[in-house]
Every structure is written in C-alpha cells, then in structure tokens.
Amino acid sequence: MIEKRYEYTALKQRFEIPSAITEDVVLEIKNYFLNTIYPQAAERKKLEAAFKDLADYVRSPKKIWGLFGDMARALFKFGRHFMQAMRAGIDSLNSFLGAKKFEQSMTDIANKNGIVPPMTDADFEDTLYQLPREDIEKFINDVKNLFDAMVNTVLLKKTMDILQHVIETMERKPGTFPKQDVDGIKLGKELLQRGYSIFSKYDDPTKKAIVDFIYKNEMWFIDEVYRKKEGK
C-alpha cells in the first residue's frame, strides 16, 4: 500500500508537488522507508529487538553513565550538542515504539475479525477504520517525528558519534555487555547511517518539504479511508 501511495504519477494527480521533490527523491525516500523502517518480517524483527535493547539503555540512567562516565565527561567529549542529541535519539526511539504499539492494535483487531494473511487492501482499511481516529493520527505523527529526526542531519551525525562511542565502550567490556546488546545498537546506528546518507544531500528547505509532504500524503490516505467507509 505504501508502494501505491507513493507512486509519483499518482502523487502529481493528488497534490501540487514542490519542485524540490522530484521523482528520484520520492523513490529514494520510499525505498529507505520500505527497506529500512519496514523491511521484510525477519529483518523487521531484528530491528525491533535492536530498538528494545536501545530502550533498555536509554531508560536506565545507571546504564547510560556506565557508558559515558559522567555528564561532565560526556559534554567534554561530545560538546554542547550532547544532551540535544540524546533527547533527539530518545524521541525517535519513543516514536518507533509508539508505532510498534499501533501495529499491535491493528494485529489484535485483524485477529479478532478472523483476517488471515495475506491481507487485502480492503482488509487493511477495514481494520484501520476500527481504530480510534486519534490513535491513527498519533501513529502518523510518530512517523513524522521519525523523519523529523532523520532530516536534522547535524544532530543525526552527533547521535551516530555517540552510538559509536557506546559500541566501542561495550566491545571493550564483553564481560559486562552481552554481544546481543552490542549487535542491537550497531543495527540502530546502521539505520541512522542509511538515513544520514540520504538526507545529508538535501538543503534544509528540501528536507522540510519532504517531511511536510509525507505527513500530508498520510493524512490524505486516512481521510480517503474514512470517506470510503462513511460514504462522504
């Protein structure tokens, strides 16, 4: 459905597309989303495990300062952007976990209704429609927040530097940090690196236009589902 929703010819019919958002830009962002954020099921499970490992560290001050030493040392090493980068990373993590919760709600409704894979587009829309509208819009905002973090490439680079420090610290202490945890954080860093490779090519107005356009298209889709279900 994402493939269909981001076909360039369909987008051109639906909206007035900013000149900065070319067909190549749309294809690159779509492929990033489908291959990195929403890969095939086996890869997605690895990604979810990686974010769970990150969450365990982010939410434990004891674990964080075990990796950095203390606030003064962290600020000295990473500069004034340290706390801002940490906050951006935490917000992105929370967005991802919020999206995961939304997906679970969709799964529960589909199971309750006896829907079995492969889901049709109509099955998906029926399931989506049975969720509270505010939950759907929160999910779209979580996706927007993820892309907002990706296009802030200055902070994104700082976050990757911090994660690299974390990985190196953990690898020096294999008796303290399980390999599984290290591998999870490496996967999280790789996801950010792929995003950085794409978004660092664009200027700030283009990056903002991309995020705004994704949000606009997703809201259009929800309005379209409601229009069909309610005959408006």
C-alpha atoms as a PDB file:
ATOM      1  CA  MET A   1       0.000   0.000   0.000  1.00  0.00           C
ATOM      2  CA  ILE A   2       2.928   2.330   0.654  1.00  0.00           C
ATOM      3  CA  GLU A   3       4.257   1.450  -2.795  1.00  0.00           C
ATOM      4  CA  LYS A   4       0.927   2.538  -4.290  1.00  0.00           C
ATOM      5  CA  ARG A   5       0.570   5.595  -2.085  1.00  0.00           C
ATOM      6  CA  TYR A   6       3.946   6.963  -3.167  1.00  0.00           C
ATOM      7  CA  GLU A   7       3.737   6.352  -6.908  1.00  0.00           C
ATOM      8  CA  TYR A   8       4.954   9.632  -8.367  1.00  0.00           C
ATOM      9  CA  THR A   9       2.310   9.865 -11.093  1.00  0.00           C
ATOM     10  CA  ALA A  10      -0.455   9.372  -8.527  1.00  0.00           C
ATOM     11  CA  LEU A  11       1.103  11.973  -6.215  1.00  0.00           C
ATOM     12  CA  LYS A  12       1.204  14.503  -9.060  1.00  0.00           C
ATOM     13  CA  GLN A  13      -2.506  13.995  -9.686  1.00  0.00           C
ATOM     14  CA  ARG A  14      -3.292  14.293  -5.991  1.00  0.00           C
ATOM     15  CA  PHE A  15      -1.185  17.294  -4.969  1.00  0.00           C
ATOM     16  CA  GLU A  16       0.837  20.207  -6.216  1.00  0.00           C
ATOM     17  CA  ILE A  17       4.306  18.800  -5.591  1.00  0.00           C
ATOM     18  CA  PRO A  18       7.123  21.186  -4.581  1.00  0.00           C
ATOM     19  CA  SER A  19       9.754  21.423  -7.327  1.00  0.00           C
ATOM     20  CA  ALA A  20      12.444  20.149  -4.950  1.00  0.00           C
ATOM     21  CA  ILE A  21      10.618  16.829  -4.574  1.00  0.00           C
ATOM     22  CA  THR A  22      11.443  15.084  -7.830  1.00  0.00           C
ATOM     23  CA  GLU A  23      10.542  11.539  -8.831  1.00  0.00           C
ATOM     24  CA  ASP A  24      14.046  10.421  -7.817  1.00  0.00           C
ATOM     25  CA  VAL A  25      13.640  11.954  -4.356  1.00  0.00           C
ATOM     26  CA  VAL A  26      10.288  10.215  -3.856  1.00  0.00           C
ATOM     27  CA  LEU A  27      11.749   6.865  -4.954  1.00  0.00           C
ATOM     28  CA  GLU A  28      14.771   7.204  -2.676  1.00  0.00           C
ATOM     29  CA  ILE A  29      12.690   8.080   0.398  1.00  0.00           C
ATOM     30  CA  LYS A  30      10.152   5.345  -0.340  1.00  0.00           C
ATOM     31  CA  ASN A  31      12.901   2.733  -0.693  1.00  0.00           C
ATOM     32  CA  TYR A  32      14.506   3.909   2.564  1.00  0.00           C
ATOM     33  CA  PHE A  33      11.207   3.547   4.378  1.00  0.00           C
ATOM     34  CA  LEU A  34      10.400   0.124   2.909  1.00  0.00           C
ATOM     35  CA  ASN A  35      13.896  -1.350   3.149  1.00  0.00           C
ATOM     36  CA  THR A  36      14.983   0.154   6.475  1.00  0.00           C
ATOM     37  CA  ILE A  37      11.959   1.054   8.614  1.00  0.00           C
ATOM     38  CA  TYR A  38       9.575  -1.549   7.178  1.00  0.00           C
ATOM     39  CA  PRO A  39      11.749  -4.344   5.778  1.00  0.00           C
ATOM     40  CA  GLN A  40      10.615  -7.953   5.357  1.00  0.00           C
ATOM     41  CA  ALA A  41       9.369  -9.624   8.546  1.00  0.00           C
ATOM     42  CA  ALA A  42      12.620 -11.359   9.570  1.00  0.00           C
ATOM     43  CA  GLU A  43      14.627  -8.140   9.224  1.00  0.00           C
ATOM     44  CA  ARG A  44      11.919  -6.155  10.976  1.00  0.00           C
ATOM     45  CA  LYS A  45      12.130  -8.479  13.993  1.00  0.00           C
ATOM     46  CA  LYS A  46      15.871  -7.806  14.217  1.00  0.00           C
ATOM     47  CA  LEU A  47      15.146  -4.074  14.069  1.00  0.00           C
ATOM     48  CA  GLU A  48      12.537  -4.310  16.832  1.00  0.00           C
ATOM     49  CA  ALA A  49      14.969  -6.250  19.017  1.00  0.00           C
ATOM     50  CA  ALA A  50      17.632  -3.593  18.389  1.00  0.00           C
ATOM     51  CA  PHE A  51      15.308  -0.791  19.443  1.00  0.00           C
ATOM     52  CA  LYS A  52      14.256  -2.733  22.523  1.00  0.00           C
ATOM     53  CA  ASP A  53      17.926  -3.044  23.513  1.00  0.00           C
ATOM     54  CA  LEU A  54      18.403   0.694  22.950  1.00  0.00           C
ATOM     55  CA  ALA A  55      15.331   1.409  25.064  1.00  0.00           C
ATOM     56  CA  ASP A  56      16.733  -0.653  27.948  1.00  0.00           C
ATOM     57  CA  TYR A  57      19.844   1.552  27.994  1.00  0.00           C
ATOM     58  CA  VAL A  58      18.189   4.888  27.329  1.00  0.00           C
ATOM     59  CA  ARG A  59      15.700   4.410  30.166  1.00  0.00           C
ATOM     60  CA  SER A  60      18.323   3.423  32.727  1.00  0.00           C
ATOM     61  CA  PRO A  61      20.470   6.332  33.989  1.00  0.00           C
ATOM     62  CA  LYS A  62      22.796   3.815  35.656  1.00  0.00           C
ATOM     63  CA  LYS A  63      23.451   2.109  32.317  1.00  0.00           C
ATOM     64  CA  ILE A  64      23.894   5.408  30.463  1.00  0.00           C
ATOM     65  CA  TRP A  65      26.516   6.764  32.836  1.00  0.00           C
ATOM     66  CA  GLY A  66      28.180   3.370  32.905  1.00  0.00           C
ATOM     67  CA  LEU A  67      28.859   4.007  29.214  1.00  0.00           C
ATOM     68  CA  PHE A  68      29.842   7.687  29.422  1.00  0.00           C
ATOM     69  CA  GLY A  69      31.338   8.008  32.885  1.00  0.00           C
ATOM     70  CA  ASP A  70      29.528  11.172  33.940  1.00  0.00           C
ATOM     71  CA  MET A  71      27.828  14.243  32.489  1.00  0.00           C
ATOM     72  CA  ALA A  72      30.974  16.417  32.561  1.00  0.00           C
ATOM     73  CA  ARG A  73      32.999  13.803  30.698  1.00  0.00           C
ATOM     74  CA  ALA A  74      30.240  13.297  28.106  1.00  0.00           C
ATOM     75  CA  LEU A  75      29.890  17.037  27.495  1.00  0.00           C
ATOM     76  CA  PHE A  76      33.648  17.396  27.146  1.00  0.00           C
ATOM     77  CA  LYS A  77      33.838  14.575  24.585  1.00  0.00           C
ATOM     78  CA  PHE A  78      30.721  15.375  22.527  1.00  0.00           C
ATOM     79  CA  GLY A  79      30.255  19.103  23.088  1.00  0.00           C
ATOM     80  CA  ARG A  80      27.210  21.208  23.780  1.00  0.00           C
ATOM     81  CA  HIS A  81      25.007  19.154  21.437  1.00  0.00           C
ATOM     82  CA  PHE A  82      25.310  16.056  23.627  1.00  0.00           C
ATOM     83  CA  MET A  83      22.058  16.445  25.562  1.00  0.00           C
ATOM     84  CA  GLN A  84      20.173  17.680  22.491  1.00  0.00           C
ATOM     85  CA  ALA A  85      21.360  14.669  20.504  1.00  0.00           C
ATOM     86  CA  MET A  86      20.435  12.318  23.339  1.00  0.00           C
ATOM     87  CA  ARG A  87      16.966  13.876  23.516  1.00  0.00           C
ATOM     88  CA  ALA A  88      16.512  13.577  19.748  1.00  0.00           C
ATOM     89  CA  GLY A  89      17.547   9.941  19.933  1.00  0.00           C
ATOM     90  CA  ILE A  90      15.130   9.249  22.779  1.00  0.00           C
ATOM     91  CA  ASP A  91      12.281  10.997  20.940  1.00  0.00           C
ATOM     92  CA  SER A  92      12.974   8.912  17.814  1.00  0.00           C
ATOM     93  CA  LEU A  93      13.064   5.758  19.896  1.00  0.00           C
ATOM     94  CA  ASN A  94       9.743   6.632  21.520  1.00  0.00           C
ATOM     95  CA  SER A  95       8.247   7.326  18.085  1.00  0.00           C
ATOM     96  CA  PHE A  96       9.347   3.905  16.857  1.00  0.00           C
ATOM     97  CA  LEU A  97       7.987   2.165  19.963  1.00  0.00           C
ATOM     98  CA  GLY A  98       4.725   4.129  19.656  1.00  0.00           C
ATOM     99  CA  ALA A  99       4.390   2.945  16.069  1.00  0.00           C
ATOM    100  CA  LYS A 100       5.008  -0.639  17.236  1.00  0.00           C
ATOM    101  CA  LYS A 101       2.170  -0.299  19.759  1.00  0.00           C
ATOM    102  CA  PHE A 102      -0.136   0.956  16.992  1.00  0.00           C
ATOM    103  CA  GLU A 103       0.781  -2.022  14.830  1.00  0.00           C
ATOM    104  CA  GLN A 104      -0.072  -4.377  17.690  1.00  0.00           C
ATOM    105  CA  SER A 105      -3.523  -2.772  17.979  1.00  0.00           C
ATOM    106  CA  MET A 106      -4.036  -3.361  14.253  1.00  0.00           C
ATOM    107  CA  THR A 107      -2.979  -7.001  14.671  1.00  0.00           C
ATOM    108  CA  ASP A 108      -5.376  -7.527  17.579  1.00  0.00           C
ATOM    109  CA  ILE A 109      -8.321  -6.197  15.531  1.00  0.00           C
ATOM    110  CA  ALA A 110      -7.361  -8.295  12.486  1.00  0.00           C
ATOM    111  CA  ASN A 111      -7.135 -11.443  14.625  1.00  0.00           C
ATOM    112  CA  LYS A 112     -10.448 -10.664  16.310  1.00  0.00           C
ATOM    113  CA  ASN A 113     -12.082 -10.323  12.884  1.00  0.00           C
ATOM    114  CA  GLY A 114     -10.606 -13.616  11.660  1.00  0.00           C
ATOM    115  CA  ILE A 115      -8.455 -11.996   8.966  1.00  0.00           C
ATOM    116  CA  VAL A 116      -5.588 -14.204   7.811  1.00  0.00           C
ATOM    117  CA  PRO A 117      -2.533 -13.349   5.709  1.00  0.00           C
ATOM    118  CA  PRO A 118      -2.169 -12.171   3.072  1.00  0.00           C
ATOM    119  CA  MET A 119      -4.284  -9.163   3.945  1.00  0.00           C
ATOM    120  CA  THR A 120      -6.097  -7.446   1.097  1.00  0.00           C
ATOM    121  CA  ASP A 121      -6.135  -3.655   0.845  1.00  0.00           C
ATOM    122  CA  ALA A 122      -9.826  -3.778   1.837  1.00  0.00           C
ATOM    123  CA  ASP A 123      -8.982  -5.895   4.925  1.00  0.00           C
ATOM    124  CA  PHE A 124      -6.308  -3.390   5.915  1.00  0.00           C
ATOM    125  CA  GLU A 125      -8.630  -0.420   5.516  1.00  0.00           C
ATOM    126  CA  ASP A 126     -11.427  -2.164   7.457  1.00  0.00           C
ATOM    127  CA  THR A 127      -9.005  -2.882  10.302  1.00  0.00           C
ATOM    128  CA  LEU A 128      -7.627   0.643  10.282  1.00  0.00           C
ATOM    129  CA  TYR A 129     -11.103   2.150  10.364  1.00  0.00           C
ATOM    130  CA  GLN A 130     -11.932   0.247  13.564  1.00  0.00           C
ATOM    131  CA  LEU A 131      -9.177   2.043  15.464  1.00  0.00           C
ATOM    132  CA  PRO A 132      -9.921   5.362  17.185  1.00  0.00           C
ATOM    133  CA  ARG A 133      -9.085   8.197  14.788  1.00  0.00           C
ATOM    134  CA  GLU A 134      -6.862   9.845  17.411  1.00  0.00           C
ATOM    135  CA  ASP A 135      -4.727   6.673  17.575  1.00  0.00           C
ATOM    136  CA  ILE A 136      -4.295   6.702  13.802  1.00  0.00           C
ATOM    137  CA  GLU A 137      -3.263  10.350  13.803  1.00  0.00           C
ATOM    138  CA  LYS A 138      -0.841   9.730  16.672  1.00  0.00           C
ATOM    139  CA  PHE A 139       0.768   6.977  14.595  1.00  0.00           C
ATOM    140  CA  ILE A 140       1.159   9.361  11.645  1.00  0.00           C
ATOM    141  CA  ASN A 141       2.732  11.916  13.977  1.00  0.00           C
ATOM    142  CA  ASP A 142       5.129   9.216  15.254  1.00  0.00           C
ATOM    143  CA  VAL A 143       6.183   8.557  11.661  1.00  0.00           C
ATOM    144  CA  LYS A 144       6.578  12.306  11.067  1.00  0.00           C
ATOM    145  CA  ASN A 145       8.719  12.592  14.221  1.00  0.00           C
ATOM    146  CA  LEU A 146      10.986   9.822  12.942  1.00  0.00           C
ATOM    147  CA  PHE A 147      11.505  11.675   9.671  1.00  0.00           C
ATOM    148  CA  ASP A 148      11.955  14.991  11.513  1.00  0.00           C
ATOM    149  CA  ALA A 149      14.835  13.366  13.389  1.00  0.00           C
ATOM    150  CA  MET A 150      16.305  11.931  10.190  1.00  0.00           C
ATOM    151  CA  VAL A 151      16.370  15.272   8.366  1.00  0.00           C
ATOM    152  CA  ASN A 152      18.110  17.066  11.263  1.00  0.00           C
ATOM    153  CA  THR A 153      21.417  15.798   9.930  1.00  0.00           C
ATOM    154  CA  VAL A 154      23.604  17.843  12.319  1.00  0.00           C
ATOM    155  CA  LEU A 155      22.030  16.158  15.337  1.00  0.00           C
ATOM    156  CA  LEU A 156      21.799  12.850  13.479  1.00  0.00           C
ATOM    157  CA  LYS A 157      25.571  12.869  12.942  1.00  0.00           C
ATOM    158  CA  LYS A 158      26.128  13.679  16.617  1.00  0.00           C
ATOM    159  CA  THR A 159      23.801  10.840  17.636  1.00  0.00           C
ATOM    160  CA  MET A 160      25.753   8.419  15.422  1.00  0.00           C
ATOM    161  CA  ASP A 161      29.008   9.586  17.042  1.00  0.00           C
ATOM    162  CA  ILE A 162      27.513   8.921  20.465  1.00  0.00           C
ATOM    163  CA  LEU A 163      26.322   5.459  19.432  1.00  0.00           C
ATOM    164  CA  GLN A 164      29.783   4.659  18.022  1.00  0.00           C
ATOM    165  CA  HIS A 165      31.295   5.602  21.389  1.00  0.00           C
ATOM    166  CA  VAL A 166      28.735   3.357  23.100  1.00  0.00           C
ATOM    167  CA  ILE A 167      29.583   0.439  20.788  1.00  0.00           C
ATOM    168  CA  GLU A 168      33.339   0.825  21.358  1.00  0.00           C
ATOM    169  CA  THR A 169      32.865   1.051  25.142  1.00  0.00           C
ATOM    170  CA  MET A 170      30.681  -2.065  25.191  1.00  0.00           C
ATOM    171  CA  GLU A 171      33.079  -4.042  22.997  1.00  0.00           C
ATOM    172  CA  ARG A 172      35.926  -3.269  25.412  1.00  0.00           C
ATOM    173  CA  LYS A 173      33.895  -4.844  28.235  1.00  0.00           C
ATOM    174  CA  PRO A 174      32.482  -8.115  26.852  1.00  0.00           C
ATOM    175  CA  GLY A 175      32.040  -9.484  30.361  1.00  0.00           C
ATOM    176  CA  THR A 176      29.653  -6.625  31.187  1.00  0.00           C
ATOM    177  CA  PHE A 177      27.818  -6.067  27.905  1.00  0.00           C
ATOM    178  CA  PRO A 178      26.329  -9.074  26.037  1.00  0.00           C
ATOM    179  CA  LYS A 179      27.124  -9.363  22.319  1.00  0.00           C
ATOM    180  CA  GLN A 180      23.386  -9.312  21.606  1.00  0.00           C
ATOM    181  CA  ASP A 181      23.137  -5.806  23.096  1.00  0.00           C
ATOM    182  CA  VAL A 182      26.126  -4.586  21.087  1.00  0.00           C
ATOM    183  CA  ASP A 183      24.705  -6.032  17.855  1.00  0.00           C
ATOM    184  CA  GLY A 184      21.351  -4.356  18.540  1.00  0.00           C
ATOM    185  CA  ILE A 185      22.936  -0.940  18.990  1.00  0.00           C
ATOM    186  CA  LYS A 186      25.038  -1.464  15.850  1.00  0.00           C
ATOM    187  CA  LEU A 187      21.848  -2.138  13.896  1.00  0.00           C
ATOM    188  CA  GLY A 188      20.264   1.031  15.293  1.00  0.00           C
ATOM    189  CA  LYS A 189      23.322   3.039  14.247  1.00  0.00           C
ATOM    190  CA  GLU A 190      23.201   1.472  10.777  1.00  0.00           C
ATOM    191  CA  LEU A 191      19.588   2.606  10.379  1.00  0.00           C
ATOM    192  CA  LEU A 192      20.612   6.171  11.235  1.00  0.00           C
ATOM    193  CA  GLN A 193      23.611   5.974   8.894  1.00  0.00           C
ATOM    194  CA  ARG A 194      21.381   4.999   5.973  1.00  0.00           C
ATOM    195  CA  GLY A 195      19.111   7.943   6.748  1.00  0.00           C
ATOM    196  CA  TYR A 196      22.067  10.306   7.045  1.00  0.00           C
ATOM    197  CA  SER A 197      23.442   9.159   3.673  1.00  0.00           C
ATOM    198  CA  ILE A 198      20.162  10.156   2.045  1.00  0.00           C
ATOM    199  CA  PHE A 199      19.097  13.306   3.867  1.00  0.00           C
ATOM    200  CA  SER A 200      22.504  14.972   4.161  1.00  0.00           C
ATOM    201  CA  LYS A 201      22.384  15.509   0.373  1.00  0.00           C
ATOM    202  CA  TYR A 202      19.455  17.927   0.624  1.00  0.00           C
ATOM    203  CA  ASP A 203      19.303  21.529   1.797  1.00  0.00           C
ATOM    204  CA  ASP A 204      17.121  22.489   4.769  1.00  0.00           C
ATOM    205  CA  PRO A 205      14.091  23.748   2.751  1.00  0.00           C
ATOM    206  CA  THR A 206      14.029  20.475   0.767  1.00  0.00           C
ATOM    207  CA  LYS A 207      14.271  18.380   3.930  1.00  0.00           C
ATOM    208  CA  LYS A 208      11.377  20.296   5.496  1.00  0.00           C
ATOM    209  CA  ALA A 209       9.351  19.931   2.277  1.00  0.00           C
ATOM    210  CA  ILE A 210       9.928  16.156   2.299  1.00  0.00           C
ATOM    211  CA  VAL A 211       8.681  15.727   5.876  1.00  0.00           C
ATOM    212  CA  ASP A 212       5.676  18.007   5.326  1.00  0.00           C
ATOM    213  CA  PHE A 213       4.805  16.160   2.132  1.00  0.00           C
ATOM    214  CA  ILE A 214       4.951  12.719   3.798  1.00  0.00           C
ATOM    215  CA  TYR A 215       2.649  13.978   6.556  1.00  0.00           C
ATOM    216  CA  LYS A 216       0.231  15.496   4.035  1.00  0.00           C
ATOM    217  CA  ASN A 217       0.084  12.274   1.995  1.00  0.00           C
ATOM    218  CA  GLU A 218      -0.502  10.076   5.051  1.00  0.00           C
ATOM    219  CA  MET A 219      -3.306  12.329   6.296  1.00  0.00           C
ATOM    220  CA  TRP A 220      -4.828  12.233   2.807  1.00  0.00           C
ATOM    221  CA  PHE A 221      -4.842   8.430   2.990  1.00  0.00           C
ATOM    222  CA  ILE A 222      -6.672   8.408   6.336  1.00  0.00           C
ATOM    223  CA  ASP A 223      -9.230  10.911   5.059  1.00  0.00           C
ATOM    224  CA  GLU A 224      -9.709   8.695   1.997  1.00  0.00           C
ATOM    225  CA  VAL A 225     -10.325   5.596   4.141  1.00  0.00           C
ATOM    226  CA  TYR A 226     -12.923   7.467   6.199  1.00  0.00           C
ATOM    227  CA  ARG A 227     -14.532   8.895   3.082  1.00  0.00           C
ATOM    228  CA  LYS A 228     -14.980   5.412   1.611  1.00  0.00           C
ATOM    229  CA  LYS A 229     -16.249   3.866   4.834  1.00  0.00           C
ATOM    230  CA  GLU A 230     -18.656   6.643   5.645  1.00  0.00           C
ATOM    231  CA  GLY A 231     -19.763   7.346   2.073  1.00  0.00           C
ATOM    232  CA  LYS A 232     -18.782  11.022   2.214  1.00  0.00           C
END
